[in-house]
Protein backbone atom coordinates (compact mmCIF):
# COMPACT_ATOMS: atom_id res chain seq x y z
CA MET A 1 93.82 88.06 68.33
CA ASN A 2 93.63 87.51 71.95
CA CYS A 3 95.26 90.39 73.79
CA LYS A 4 94.06 89.41 77.28
CA ILE A 5 96.88 89.91 80.04
CA SER A 6 97.62 86.63 81.92
CA MET A 7 96.96 86.67 85.76
CA GLU A 8 100.67 85.97 86.23
CA SER A 9 101.81 89.01 84.43
CA ILE A 10 99.24 91.27 86.52
CA VAL A 11 100.42 89.81 89.77
CA LEU A 12 104.04 90.21 88.88
CA SER A 13 103.40 93.82 87.70
CA LEU A 14 101.44 94.55 90.93
CA LEU A 15 104.23 92.97 93.06
CA CYS A 16 107.04 94.99 91.27
CA LEU A 17 104.95 98.22 91.29
CA ALA A 18 104.17 97.71 95.41
CA ASP A 19 108.01 97.05 95.95
CA MET A 20 108.76 100.03 94.01
CA LEU A 21 106.37 102.38 95.73
CA SER A 22 106.76 100.95 98.96
CA THR A 23 110.58 101.48 98.72
CA LEU A 24 110.19 104.93 97.45
CA ILE A 25 107.85 105.99 100.35
CA LEU A 26 109.61 104.03 102.99
CA VAL A 27 113.07 105.31 102.11
CA SER A 28 111.98 108.72 101.71
CA LEU A 29 110.48 108.53 105.44
CA GLY A 30 113.80 107.24 106.78
CA VAL A 31 112.33 103.87 108.01
CA ALA A 32 113.83 101.52 105.38
CA VAL A 33 116.93 101.35 103.24
CA GLU A 34 117.27 99.96 99.46
CA GLN A 35 119.18 96.93 99.56
CA ASN A 36 120.19 96.82 96.07
CA PRO A 37 123.45 99.21 95.33
CA LEU A 38 122.37 100.05 91.75
CA MET A 39 118.83 101.02 92.85
CA ALA A 40 120.11 102.82 95.99
CA ALA A 41 122.41 104.82 93.53
CA CYS A 42 119.58 105.66 91.43
CA LEU A 43 117.39 106.70 94.47
CA ARG A 44 120.17 108.89 95.58
CA HIS A 45 120.34 110.67 92.03
CA SER A 46 116.39 111.21 92.24
CA PRO A 47 113.09 109.67 92.80
CA VAL A 48 112.40 109.88 88.99
CA THR A 49 115.71 108.09 88.12
CA PHE A 50 114.76 105.29 90.66
CA LEU A 51 111.31 104.89 89.17
CA LEU A 52 112.04 104.77 85.64
CA ILE A 53 115.12 102.04 86.13
CA LYS A 54 113.19 100.20 88.38
CA THR A 55 110.33 100.13 85.88
CA ALA A 56 112.82 99.12 83.22
CA SER A 57 113.99 96.07 85.44
CA PHE A 58 110.56 94.26 85.24
CA VAL A 59 108.64 95.60 82.22
CA PRO A 60 110.80 93.76 79.53
CA PHE A 61 110.52 90.37 81.44
CA ILE A 62 106.56 90.93 81.47
CA LEU A 63 106.36 91.93 78.10
CA LEU A 64 108.57 89.10 76.84
CA THR A 65 106.54 86.34 78.78
CA GLU A 66 103.32 87.81 77.46
CA TRP A 67 104.72 87.49 73.77
CA TYR A 68 106.26 84.06 74.51
CA ARG A 69 102.78 82.87 76.05
CA ARG A 70 101.31 82.87 72.50
CA ARG A 71 103.92 80.44 71.54
CA ASN A 72 104.14 78.21 74.50
CA PRO A 73 101.66 79.24 77.12
CA ALA A 74 102.68 76.15 79.72
CA PHE A 75 106.16 77.70 79.68
CA ALA A 76 105.49 81.02 80.06
CA ARG A 77 103.01 80.65 83.01
CA SER A 78 105.64 78.82 84.82
CA ALA A 79 108.29 81.30 84.16
CA ALA A 80 106.07 83.89 85.39
CA ARG A 81 105.08 81.80 88.52
CA ILE A 82 108.67 80.97 89.29
CA ALA A 83 109.35 84.79 88.87
CA ILE A 84 106.52 85.80 91.41
CA VAL A 85 107.78 83.25 93.98
CA LEU A 86 111.36 84.33 93.63
CA TYR A 87 110.75 87.93 93.71
CA ALA A 88 108.22 87.94 96.69
CA SER A 89 110.50 85.56 98.68
CA THR A 90 113.77 87.81 97.96
CA TYR A 91 111.72 90.95 98.82
CA VAL A 92 110.56 89.35 102.19
CA ILE A 93 113.92 87.97 103.08
CA LEU A 94 115.98 91.01 102.27
CA THR A 95 113.42 93.55 103.71
CA ALA A 96 113.29 91.68 106.83
CA GLY A 97 117.25 91.14 107.09
CA VAL A 98 118.37 94.53 106.41
CA ASN A 99 115.55 96.79 107.94
CA PHE A 100 114.10 94.55 110.93
CA THR A 101 117.35 93.07 112.34
């Protein structure tokens, strides 16, 4: 059995982790705000709650994509690539729109 993790899952994981950690750091420094109302509430509750909920928001997708990749690699790869583009685009647009205007 091949347990190698796809490059798409690695990239998406790193992107989500970078977003999570940069948000935590920048909000704690007072130079940014969390745009997602649910995540903002989690962050107000505690940094640990924020980290747990944020992690729970992307890990299931990555696990499911990796599981499905063994059945339909092309579809799983496409789904992960679309998720990467959408996540990165949304992050850049919302971050710029909320924090730099």
